[in-house]
Amino acid sequence: MSTAPPTPSRPPAARLLPRMPDWASRNFTLLTSAAFITSLGSHGALIAAAFAVLEHGGDAGDVGLVAAARTIPLILFLLVGGAVADRLPRHRVMVAANLLNCLSQAAFAVLVLAGSPLMWQMMLLAALGGTGQAFFSPAAEGMLMATVDRRNASKAFAVFRVTMNGATIGGAALGGAMVAVIGPGWVLAVDAAAFAVSAGLRALLDVSGMPRRAPGGDLLADLRDGWREALARPWFWSIVAQFSVVVAVVGAAESVYGPLVARDHLGGPAPWGFALAAFGVGTVVGAVVMMRWQPRRLLLAGTLSVFTLALPSAALAVPLPSLGLAGVMFVSGLAIEVFGVAWITTMHQEIPEEKFSRMSAYDWLGSIGMVPLATALAGPAESAFGRSNALWGGAVLIVLVTAAVLFVPEVRTMTRRPPEAEAAEDAGTPEESGPAAEPGPVPAVDTLTGAGAGAVVTAATSVPAPAPEPGSDAADAEGAARRDG
């Protein structure tokens, strides 16, 4: 009879995903499973919402209004969401945000299936969804990485990004097919169900060993404290400022100029869809690469990879044939994952856990704050300078702001802590090392998709940023995209 100890079972949701690595704790698996489910539903719902507007008498302008109704509250409430996530248990903030998204999407689905949605109703429900994301994303950024030890932080985020990118590609493809077969209303209903399931998974998180945060001052005091923390780190605010430009340029190129170039020079929407799919495949490959490659100079490696994000705008300016454009999009997708993993690892290493959500909120806000302005100005810029010149200008802007960041000493010199130093930190007091029941979790940080890496990856890979996701006390990323991601 075998005397070997029984192998702990994984939660049922984990069976939706490939077998997780040995270092992946139960909490990590729950968070990754929840993020996968939510991302699948959300990317299908983005397509469904647009077609719901069009099928009920709306035009392209109305689709834009509904998208703006989601983005504006996301921008307005991000900082508040970050402060709240640093004051309250983050997993509870995430569950509450998931339930708000569930209810808003369910109401949207009912209106569409009933056949009588009005524009103001769709805009209101989209705004509720954006509000939920504003509270969810900073909390998520403060959660995922607390479920793994610091030595495996880069691998953990890379695994998370592989999962999220796969869900992004699959969700968009599946969502488009489902809209065609069963209609947008039912796809919105599926998304509501996905949020409900994800909220249930996050409610199962074991946070008994998470470090307790001392109560802070009032909300405004917390926001000011987060601002001081951001300004005290030149590497942080310089890269956030850089990505406010980078994500805005990428957003304008992909959401405005890309479809126009495809229509006028590439033969229609199919080549542009192929290019976007190549970008998605690139993000998956990039995440796989970062599971094995751990650059010593984190920010330097990540920043150098950002130069390639100028290539899609340049390719559209030429324009390159569809195969060349797809190749460029693949390379830029791979590069954004290199940056994303390097960025989130740096955040995990350098930012105090108890202030991480506030920092993440400033990161998210900086990453997506200029996207609405950039997309609104894309048309006037084309009229004033010509499409090709506007695209070349965007490519040059990305190169210039990225080169400027390299003048910040910490960006060039900051190094990954050696494994022995991380092991020493993980072996600290229970308050420092996170949940006792998990294999060495540490109070640290997050994903996109984006804040930190979660916000930026997310924002750069799908504008407006999708939401990353999880639930414990140190980082998810659904969120992602930070730069998803």
Protein backbone atom coordinates (compact mmCIF):
# COMPACT_ATOMS: atom_id res chain seq x y z
CA MET A 1 0.00 0.00 0.00
CA SER A 2 1.39 3.38 -0.96
CA THR A 3 2.36 5.71 1.84
CA ALA A 4 2.78 8.78 -0.39
CA PRO A 5 0.77 11.79 0.74
CA PRO A 6 -2.36 12.51 -1.28
CA THR A 7 -2.04 15.08 -4.02
CA PRO A 8 -4.16 18.15 -3.27
CA SER A 9 -6.99 18.49 -5.75
CA ARG A 10 -7.43 21.59 -7.85
CA PRO A 11 -10.70 23.47 -8.08
CA PRO A 12 -13.09 22.23 -10.79
CA ALA A 13 -12.63 25.45 -12.79
CA ALA A 14 -8.95 24.63 -13.20
CA ARG A 15 -9.91 21.80 -15.53
CA LEU A 16 -10.90 24.45 -18.08
CA LEU A 17 -7.20 25.28 -18.39
CA PRO A 18 -4.07 23.28 -19.24
CA ARG A 19 -2.31 21.60 -16.31
CA MET A 20 -0.85 24.34 -14.14
CA PRO A 21 2.84 24.37 -13.07
CA ASP A 22 3.84 22.94 -9.70
CA TRP A 23 4.36 26.41 -8.20
CA ALA A 24 0.80 27.48 -9.06
CA SER A 25 -1.20 27.68 -5.84
CA ARG A 26 -4.93 27.10 -5.50
CA ASN A 27 -5.53 30.85 -5.40
CA PHE A 28 -3.47 31.39 -8.57
CA THR A 29 -5.45 28.70 -10.36
CA LEU A 30 -8.77 30.20 -9.25
CA LEU A 31 -7.75 33.66 -10.38
CA THR A 32 -6.47 32.47 -13.73
CA SER A 33 -9.59 30.37 -14.32
CA ALA A 34 -11.87 33.30 -13.48
CA ALA A 35 -9.91 35.63 -15.74
CA PHE A 36 -10.06 33.13 -18.60
CA ILE A 37 -13.84 32.78 -18.31
CA THR A 38 -14.45 36.52 -18.06
CA SER A 39 -12.15 37.33 -20.97
CA LEU A 40 -13.88 34.80 -23.20
CA GLY A 41 -17.24 36.38 -22.49
CA SER A 42 -16.11 40.00 -22.61
CA HIS A 43 -14.45 39.84 -26.01
CA GLY A 44 -17.54 38.27 -27.52
CA ALA A 45 -19.69 40.89 -25.80
CA LEU A 46 -17.72 43.76 -27.38
CA ILE A 47 -18.77 42.48 -30.79
CA ALA A 48 -22.31 41.76 -29.63
CA ALA A 49 -22.82 45.27 -28.22
CA ALA A 50 -21.79 46.89 -31.51
CA PHE A 51 -24.13 44.69 -33.54
CA ALA A 52 -26.94 45.23 -31.05
CA VAL A 53 -26.70 48.97 -31.69
CA LEU A 54 -26.59 48.49 -35.47
CA GLU A 55 -29.45 46.00 -35.56
CA HIS A 56 -31.74 48.41 -33.73
CA GLY A 57 -31.35 51.37 -36.04
CA GLY A 58 -28.02 52.79 -34.92
CA ASP A 59 -25.12 53.82 -37.13
CA ALA A 60 -21.35 53.96 -36.71
CA GLY A 61 -21.68 57.15 -34.67
CA ASP A 62 -24.08 55.44 -32.26
CA VAL A 63 -21.65 52.54 -31.84
CA GLY A 64 -19.01 55.11 -30.93
CA LEU A 65 -21.32 56.74 -28.39
CA VAL A 66 -21.96 53.44 -26.62
CA ALA A 67 -18.21 52.73 -26.58
CA ALA A 68 -17.53 56.21 -25.19
CA ALA A 69 -20.22 55.71 -22.53
CA ARG A 70 -18.18 52.76 -21.25
CA THR A 71 -14.79 54.43 -21.48
CA ILE A 72 -15.61 57.76 -19.79
CA PRO A 73 -16.66 56.36 -16.37
CA LEU A 74 -13.72 53.97 -16.57
CA ILE A 75 -11.40 56.98 -16.76
CA LEU A 76 -13.33 59.03 -14.19
CA PHE A 77 -13.48 56.35 -11.49
CA LEU A 78 -10.10 54.61 -11.87
CA LEU A 79 -8.35 56.61 -9.17
CA VAL A 80 -11.25 56.17 -6.77
CA GLY A 81 -11.25 52.44 -7.53
CA GLY A 82 -7.54 52.23 -6.76
CA ALA A 83 -7.95 53.98 -3.41
CA VAL A 84 -10.93 51.80 -2.48
CA ALA A 85 -8.99 48.63 -3.35
CA ASP A 86 -6.21 49.67 -0.96
CA ARG A 87 -8.72 50.29 1.85
CA LEU A 88 -10.99 47.25 1.50
CA PRO A 89 -10.27 43.54 0.94
CA ARG A 90 -9.43 43.42 -2.75
CA HIS A 91 -11.16 40.13 -3.47
CA ARG A 92 -14.44 41.62 -2.20
CA VAL A 93 -14.02 44.67 -4.43
CA MET A 94 -13.45 42.35 -7.39
CA VAL A 95 -16.49 40.19 -6.61
CA ALA A 96 -18.69 43.28 -6.22
CA ALA A 97 -17.42 44.68 -9.53
CA ASN A 98 -18.07 41.34 -11.26
CA LEU A 99 -21.64 41.31 -9.94
CA LEU A 100 -22.22 44.87 -11.19
CA ASN A 101 -20.97 43.83 -14.65
CA CYS A 102 -23.14 40.72 -14.50
CA LEU A 103 -26.29 42.73 -13.74
CA SER A 104 -25.58 45.43 -16.34
CA GLN A 105 -24.89 42.88 -19.08
CA ALA A 106 -27.96 40.84 -18.12
CA ALA A 107 -30.14 43.97 -18.36
CA PHE A 108 -28.54 44.81 -21.72
CA ALA A 109 -29.30 41.28 -22.94
CA VAL A 110 -32.94 41.49 -21.82
CA LEU A 111 -33.42 44.80 -23.63
CA VAL A 112 -31.91 43.47 -26.84
CA LEU A 113 -33.84 40.18 -26.74
CA ALA A 114 -37.07 42.12 -26.07
CA GLY A 115 -36.35 44.06 -29.25
CA SER A 116 -36.75 47.56 -27.86
CA PRO A 117 -33.44 48.98 -26.59
CA LEU A 118 -33.14 52.77 -26.66
CA MET A 119 -29.82 54.54 -27.13
CA TRP A 120 -29.86 56.13 -23.69
CA GLN A 121 -30.53 52.75 -22.09
CA MET A 122 -27.64 51.08 -23.91
CA MET A 123 -25.34 53.97 -23.02
CA LEU A 124 -26.37 53.82 -19.36
CA LEU A 125 -25.74 50.08 -19.13
CA ALA A 126 -22.40 50.46 -20.92
CA ALA A 127 -21.49 53.17 -18.40
CA LEU A 128 -22.29 50.81 -15.52
CA GLY A 129 -20.00 48.24 -17.11
CA GLY A 130 -17.19 50.80 -17.35
CA THR A 131 -17.72 51.76 -13.72
CA GLY A 132 -17.41 48.12 -12.66
CA GLN A 133 -14.16 47.81 -14.61
CA ALA A 134 -12.80 50.99 -12.98
CA PHE A 135 -13.11 49.38 -9.56
CA PHE A 136 -12.15 45.90 -10.70
CA SER A 137 -8.91 46.62 -12.56
CA PRO A 138 -6.87 48.27 -9.77
CA ALA A 139 -8.01 45.60 -7.30
CA ALA A 140 -7.08 42.88 -9.78
CA GLU A 141 -3.68 44.47 -10.33
CA GLY A 142 -3.18 44.24 -6.59
CA MET A 143 -3.97 40.53 -6.37
CA LEU A 144 -2.54 37.87 -8.67
CA MET A 145 1.12 37.93 -7.79
CA ALA A 146 0.48 37.53 -4.07
CA THR A 147 -0.41 33.94 -4.85
CA VAL A 148 3.11 32.95 -5.96
CA ASP A 149 6.58 33.42 -4.51
CA ARG A 150 8.74 36.20 -5.91
CA ARG A 151 11.12 33.80 -7.64
CA ASN A 152 8.29 32.66 -9.91
CA ALA A 153 6.68 36.09 -10.43
CA SER A 154 7.73 36.46 -14.09
CA LYS A 155 6.70 32.90 -14.93
CA ALA A 156 3.38 33.39 -13.17
CA PHE A 157 2.51 36.52 -15.10
CA ALA A 158 3.64 34.91 -18.36
CA VAL A 159 1.39 31.90 -17.73
CA PHE A 160 -1.45 34.25 -16.89
CA ARG A 161 -0.89 36.23 -20.09
CA VAL A 162 -0.79 33.07 -22.22
CA THR A 163 -4.15 32.12 -20.78
CA MET A 164 -5.61 35.61 -21.24
CA ASN A 165 -4.32 35.99 -24.80
CA GLY A 166 -5.76 32.63 -25.73
CA ALA A 167 -9.10 33.71 -24.29
CA THR A 168 -8.90 37.00 -26.20
CA ILE A 169 -8.38 35.27 -29.53
CA GLY A 170 -10.92 32.55 -28.82
CA GLY A 171 -13.46 34.96 -27.35
CA ALA A 172 -13.40 37.27 -30.36
CA ALA A 173 -13.68 34.38 -32.83
CA LEU A 174 -16.36 32.56 -30.84
CA GLY A 175 -18.25 35.78 -30.12
CA GLY A 176 -18.40 36.74 -33.79
CA ALA A 177 -19.68 33.29 -34.74
CA MET A 178 -22.26 33.30 -31.94
CA VAL A 179 -23.54 36.75 -32.91
CA ALA A 180 -24.10 35.44 -36.43
CA VAL A 181 -25.85 32.25 -35.28
CA ILE A 182 -27.86 33.17 -32.16
CA GLY A 183 -27.83 36.97 -32.19
CA PRO A 184 -26.19 39.63 -30.02
CA GLY A 185 -28.74 39.42 -27.19
CA TRP A 186 -27.84 35.85 -26.31
CA VAL A 187 -24.12 36.60 -26.51
CA LEU A 188 -24.62 39.42 -23.99
CA ALA A 189 -26.50 36.94 -21.78
CA VAL A 190 -23.58 34.51 -21.98
CA ASP A 191 -21.25 37.32 -20.92
CA ALA A 192 -23.47 38.06 -17.91
CA ALA A 193 -23.28 34.39 -16.94
CA ALA A 194 -19.49 34.45 -17.32
CA PHE A 195 -19.26 37.37 -14.88
CA ALA A 196 -21.45 35.46 -12.41
CA VAL A 197 -19.25 32.35 -12.61
CA SER A 198 -16.10 34.43 -12.22
CA ALA A 199 -17.52 36.20 -9.18
CA GLY A 200 -18.24 32.79 -7.64
CA LEU A 201 -14.68 31.58 -8.27
CA ARG A 202 -13.18 34.71 -6.76
CA ALA A 203 -15.41 34.34 -3.71
CA LEU A 204 -13.70 30.98 -3.08
CA LEU A 205 -10.27 32.55 -2.63
CA ASP A 206 -8.46 31.75 0.60
CA VAL A 207 -7.25 35.12 1.88
CA SER A 208 -6.78 34.07 5.53
CA GLY A 209 -3.02 34.52 5.30
CA MET A 210 -3.03 37.78 3.38
CA PRO A 211 -1.33 40.68 5.18
CA ARG A 212 -3.74 43.07 6.85
CA ARG A 213 -3.48 46.71 5.81
CA ALA A 214 -3.75 49.38 8.46
CA PRO A 215 -6.69 51.76 7.93
CA GLY A 216 -5.61 54.90 6.09
CA GLY A 217 -6.94 58.44 6.14
CA ASP A 218 -9.81 59.66 4.06
CA LEU A 219 -10.17 58.82 0.38
CA LEU A 220 -8.59 62.08 -0.82
CA ALA A 221 -5.63 61.50 1.49
CA ASP A 222 -5.14 58.05 -0.01
CA LEU A 223 -5.24 59.50 -3.53
CA ARG A 224 -2.67 62.15 -2.61
CA ASP A 225 -0.48 59.47 -1.07
CA GLY A 226 -0.66 57.42 -4.26
CA TRP A 227 0.29 60.50 -6.29
CA ARG A 228 3.33 61.14 -4.07
CA GLU A 229 4.37 57.50 -4.40
CA ALA A 230 4.14 57.75 -8.19
CA LEU A 231 6.15 60.98 -8.38
CA ALA A 232 8.80 59.55 -6.06
CA ARG A 233 9.66 56.89 -8.66
CA PRO A 234 10.95 58.44 -11.92
CA TRP A 235 10.95 55.05 -13.63
CA PHE A 236 7.23 54.69 -12.88
CA TRP A 237 5.88 58.07 -13.97
CA SER A 238 8.15 58.28 -17.01
CA ILE A 239 6.93 54.95 -18.39
CA VAL A 240 3.29 55.78 -17.57
CA ALA A 241 3.72 59.07 -19.46
CA GLN A 242 5.37 57.20 -22.33
CA PHE A 243 2.48 54.78 -22.60
CA SER A 244 -0.12 57.51 -22.51
CA VAL A 245 1.27 58.43 -25.94
CA VAL A 246 2.04 54.90 -27.14
CA VAL A 247 -1.40 53.48 -26.34
CA ALA A 248 -3.13 56.53 -27.83
CA VAL A 249 -1.21 56.17 -31.10
CA VAL A 250 -1.78 52.41 -31.24
CA GLY A 251 -5.47 52.91 -30.47
CA ALA A 252 -5.95 55.46 -33.26
CA ALA A 253 -4.04 53.30 -35.75
CA GLU A 254 -5.90 50.09 -34.94
CA SER A 255 -9.43 51.41 -34.42
CA VAL A 256 -9.54 54.17 -37.07
CA TYR A 257 -6.80 53.97 -39.69
CA GLY A 258 -6.42 50.19 -39.91
CA PRO A 259 -9.96 49.49 -41.16
CA LEU A 260 -9.72 52.40 -43.61
CA VAL A 261 -6.41 51.18 -45.06
CA ALA A 262 -7.83 47.67 -45.34
CA ARG A 263 -10.87 48.98 -47.21
CA ASP A 264 -8.93 51.20 -49.61
CA HIS A 265 -5.75 49.19 -50.26
CA LEU A 266 -5.96 45.62 -48.98
CA GLY A 267 -9.27 44.42 -50.38
CA GLY A 268 -11.63 44.69 -47.42
CA PRO A 269 -11.95 43.71 -43.78
CA ALA A 270 -10.58 40.17 -44.08
CA PRO A 271 -6.88 41.19 -44.36
CA TRP A 272 -7.25 43.51 -41.37
CA GLY A 273 -8.87 40.73 -39.37
CA PHE A 274 -5.96 38.47 -40.35
CA ALA A 275 -3.48 41.11 -39.17
CA LEU A 276 -5.24 41.48 -35.81
CA ALA A 277 -5.24 37.70 -35.42
CA ALA A 278 -1.47 37.70 -36.11
CA PHE A 279 -1.06 40.28 -33.35
CA GLY A 280 -2.96 37.98 -30.99
CA VAL A 281 -0.77 35.02 -31.92
CA GLY A 282 2.29 37.20 -31.31
CA THR A 283 1.11 37.99 -27.78
CA VAL A 284 0.78 34.29 -27.03
CA VAL A 285 4.27 33.57 -28.37
CA GLY A 286 5.68 36.51 -26.43
CA ALA A 287 4.18 35.26 -23.20
CA VAL A 288 5.61 31.79 -23.82
CA VAL A 289 9.05 33.33 -24.47
CA MET A 290 8.88 35.22 -21.17
CA MET A 291 8.11 32.02 -19.30
CA ARG A 292 11.69 30.99 -20.06
CA TRP A 293 13.60 34.24 -20.60
CA GLN A 294 14.20 36.33 -17.49
CA PRO A 295 16.20 39.42 -18.47
CA ARG A 296 18.38 40.84 -15.71
CA ARG A 297 17.71 44.47 -16.62
CA LEU A 298 13.96 44.35 -16.57
CA LEU A 299 12.95 47.84 -17.62
CA LEU A 300 15.69 48.16 -20.22
CA ALA A 301 14.61 44.95 -21.96
CA GLY A 302 10.96 45.97 -21.78
CA THR A 303 11.52 49.51 -23.03
CA LEU A 304 13.67 48.42 -25.97
CA SER A 305 10.84 46.12 -27.07
CA VAL A 306 8.42 49.08 -27.18
CA PHE A 307 10.20 50.54 -30.22
CA THR A 308 8.57 47.82 -32.33
CA LEU A 309 5.10 49.25 -31.53
CA ALA A 310 5.88 51.97 -34.09
CA LEU A 311 5.94 49.33 -36.84
CA PRO A 312 2.16 48.86 -37.30
CA SER A 313 1.61 52.59 -37.92
CA ALA A 314 4.54 52.62 -40.36
CA ALA A 315 3.24 49.50 -42.12
CA LEU A 316 -0.19 51.08 -42.54
CA ALA A 317 1.41 54.30 -43.82
CA VAL A 318 3.22 52.52 -46.67
CA PRO A 319 0.90 50.44 -46.82
CA LEU A 320 2.43 46.98 -46.77
CA PRO A 321 0.56 44.09 -48.41
CA SER A 322 -1.56 41.97 -46.10
CA LEU A 323 1.11 39.31 -45.45
CA GLY A 324 3.72 41.93 -44.54
CA LEU A 325 1.25 43.75 -42.31
CA ALA A 326 0.43 40.50 -40.54
CA GLY A 327 4.15 39.87 -39.95
CA VAL A 328 4.58 43.33 -38.45
CA MET A 329 1.56 42.86 -36.21
CA PHE A 330 2.92 39.50 -35.03
CA VAL A 331 6.24 41.09 -34.03
CA SER A 332 4.54 43.96 -32.20
CA GLY A 333 2.28 41.50 -30.34
CA LEU A 334 5.31 39.52 -29.22
CA ALA A 335 7.10 42.69 -28.13
CA ILE A 336 4.23 44.02 -26.04
CA GLU A 337 4.26 40.83 -24.01
CA VAL A 338 8.00 41.18 -23.39
CA PHE A 339 7.35 44.65 -22.05
CA GLY A 340 4.29 43.57 -20.07
CA VAL A 341 6.00 40.77 -18.17
CA ALA A 342 9.08 42.93 -17.48
CA TRP A 343 6.87 45.78 -16.25
CA ILE A 344 4.71 43.71 -13.93
CA THR A 345 7.75 41.96 -12.51
CA THR A 346 9.28 45.36 -11.75
CA MET A 347 6.06 46.52 -10.10
CA HIS A 348 5.93 43.32 -8.07
CA GLN A 349 9.50 43.91 -6.94
CA GLU A 350 9.44 47.65 -6.23
CA ILE A 351 5.95 48.77 -5.10
CA PRO A 352 4.72 48.22 -1.51
CA GLU A 353 1.77 45.84 -1.48
CA GLU A 354 -0.43 48.12 0.61
CA LYS A 355 -0.12 50.93 -1.98
CA PHE A 356 -0.15 48.85 -5.11
CA SER A 357 -3.75 49.35 -6.19
CA ARG A 358 -3.41 53.14 -6.02
CA MET A 359 -0.26 52.99 -8.12
CA SER A 360 -2.01 50.60 -10.50
CA ALA A 361 -4.88 53.06 -10.87
CA TYR A 362 -2.52 55.87 -11.87
CA ASP A 363 -0.90 53.48 -14.34
CA TRP A 364 -4.26 52.52 -15.85
CA LEU A 365 -5.34 56.15 -16.05
CA GLY A 366 -2.12 57.21 -17.73
CA SER A 367 -2.32 54.32 -20.17
CA ILE A 368 -5.86 54.87 -21.43
CA GLY A 369 -6.57 58.50 -20.58
CA MET A 370 -5.57 59.84 -24.02
CA VAL A 371 -7.20 57.10 -26.09
CA PRO A 372 -10.60 58.85 -26.54
CA LEU A 373 -8.84 62.08 -27.55
CA ALA A 374 -6.57 60.28 -30.01
CA THR A 375 -9.39 58.40 -31.70
CA ALA A 376 -11.47 61.60 -31.87
CA LEU A 377 -8.58 63.52 -33.48
CA ALA A 378 -7.67 60.75 -35.94
CA GLY A 379 -10.21 61.94 -38.52
CA PRO A 380 -9.26 65.64 -38.36
CA ALA A 381 -5.55 64.69 -38.51
CA GLU A 382 -6.17 62.68 -41.67
CA SER A 383 -7.99 65.64 -43.24
CA ALA A 384 -5.26 68.11 -42.26
CA PHE A 385 -2.11 66.08 -43.02
CA GLY A 386 -3.23 63.08 -45.06
CA ARG A 387 -3.60 59.53 -43.77
CA SER A 388 -0.05 58.43 -44.56
CA ASN A 389 1.52 61.47 -42.90
CA ALA A 390 -0.68 61.06 -39.82
CA LEU A 391 0.42 57.43 -39.51
CA TRP A 392 4.10 58.28 -39.99
CA GLY A 393 3.71 60.99 -37.36
CA GLY A 394 2.30 58.45 -34.90
CA ALA A 395 5.20 56.07 -35.57
CA VAL A 396 7.74 58.85 -34.97
CA LEU A 397 5.99 59.84 -31.72
CA ILE A 398 6.33 56.30 -30.38
CA VAL A 399 10.04 56.23 -31.22
CA LEU A 400 10.68 59.64 -29.64
CA VAL A 401 8.86 59.05 -26.33
CA THR A 402 10.42 55.60 -25.98
CA ALA A 403 13.91 56.97 -26.63
CA ALA A 404 13.24 59.71 -24.04
CA VAL A 405 12.45 57.12 -21.37
CA LEU A 406 15.91 55.60 -21.82
CA PHE A 407 17.39 58.80 -20.37
CA VAL A 408 15.89 57.90 -16.98
CA PRO A 409 18.74 56.17 -15.08
CA GLU A 410 16.53 53.61 -13.31
CA VAL A 411 15.09 52.44 -16.62
CA ARG A 412 18.57 51.56 -17.84
CA THR A 413 20.01 50.20 -14.62
CA MET A 414 17.25 48.59 -12.53
CA THR A 415 17.96 44.88 -12.18
CA ARG A 416 16.04 41.82 -11.17
CA ARG A 417 16.68 40.82 -7.59
CA PRO A 418 18.70 37.60 -7.34
CA PRO A 419 16.73 34.46 -6.39
CA GLU A 420 18.46 34.21 -3.01
CA ALA A 421 17.29 37.72 -2.10
CA GLU A 422 13.72 36.88 -3.09
CA ALA A 423 13.91 33.62 -1.13
CA ALA A 424 15.04 35.55 1.94
CA GLU A 425 12.08 37.92 1.61
CA ASP A 426 9.66 35.04 1.12
CA ALA A 427 10.99 33.43 4.30
CA GLY A 428 10.14 36.51 6.38
CA THR A 429 7.38 36.96 8.92
CA PRO A 430 3.85 35.70 8.22
CA GLU A 431 2.77 39.30 7.68
CA GLU A 432 5.41 39.64 4.97
CA SER A 433 5.00 36.35 3.21
CA GLY A 434 1.28 36.13 2.58
CA PRO A 435 -1.07 33.17 2.96
CA ALA A 436 0.48 30.50 5.12
CA ALA A 437 -1.47 27.75 3.38
CA GLU A 438 0.02 28.62 0.00
CA PRO A 439 3.55 27.86 -1.22
CA GLY A 440 5.26 31.11 -0.31
CA PRO A 441 2.81 33.80 -1.51
CA VAL A 442 4.08 37.30 -1.02
CA PRO A 443 2.27 40.60 -0.60
CA ALA A 444 3.26 42.16 -3.84
CA VAL A 445 1.79 42.96 -7.15
CA ASP A 446 0.30 41.82 -10.34
CA THR A 447 -1.33 41.77 -15.67
CA LEU A 448 -2.51 43.85 -18.97
CA THR A 449 -3.91 43.12 -19.45
CA GLY A 450 -2.16 46.71 -18.18
CA ALA A 451 -2.00 49.60 -14.38
CA GLY A 452 1.14 48.26 -13.91
CA ALA A 453 1.67 45.78 -16.66
CA GLY A 454 -1.90 44.78 -16.61
CA ALA A 455 -3.24 48.14 -17.61
CA VAL A 456 -0.71 48.96 -20.20
CA VAL A 457 -0.60 45.55 -21.82
CA THR A 458 -4.33 45.44 -21.89
CA ALA A 459 -4.70 48.91 -23.24
CA ALA A 460 -2.20 48.37 -26.00
CA THR A 461 -3.58 45.05 -27.12
CA SER A 462 -7.24 45.96 -27.21
CA VAL A 463 -8.51 49.48 -26.96
CA PRO A 464 -10.34 50.26 -24.81
CA ALA A 465 -8.63 48.05 -22.31
CA PRO A 466 -10.45 44.81 -21.53
CA ALA A 467 -10.44 43.89 -18.11
CA PRO A 468 -8.01 41.50 -16.60
CA GLU A 469 -9.09 39.50 -13.60
CA PRO A 470 -8.59 37.41 -10.36
CA GLY A 471 -9.18 37.68 -6.59
CA SER A 472 -6.91 37.48 -3.48
CA ASP A 473 -4.51 40.26 -2.48
CA ALA A 474 -1.75 40.99 -4.92
CA ALA A 475 -2.44 40.94 -8.62
CA ASP A 476 -4.48 39.67 -11.59
CA ALA A 477 -4.38 41.39 -14.77
CA GLU A 478 -7.47 40.90 -16.69
CA GLY A 479 -7.34 43.10 -17.20
CA ALA A 480 -5.93 43.82 -18.80
CA ALA A 481 -4.07 44.35 -20.96
CA ARG A 482 -1.85 46.78 -19.51
CA ARG A 483 0.19 46.90 -22.20
CA ASP A 484 -3.03 42.32 -22.86
CA GLY A 485 -3.10 42.49 -22.29
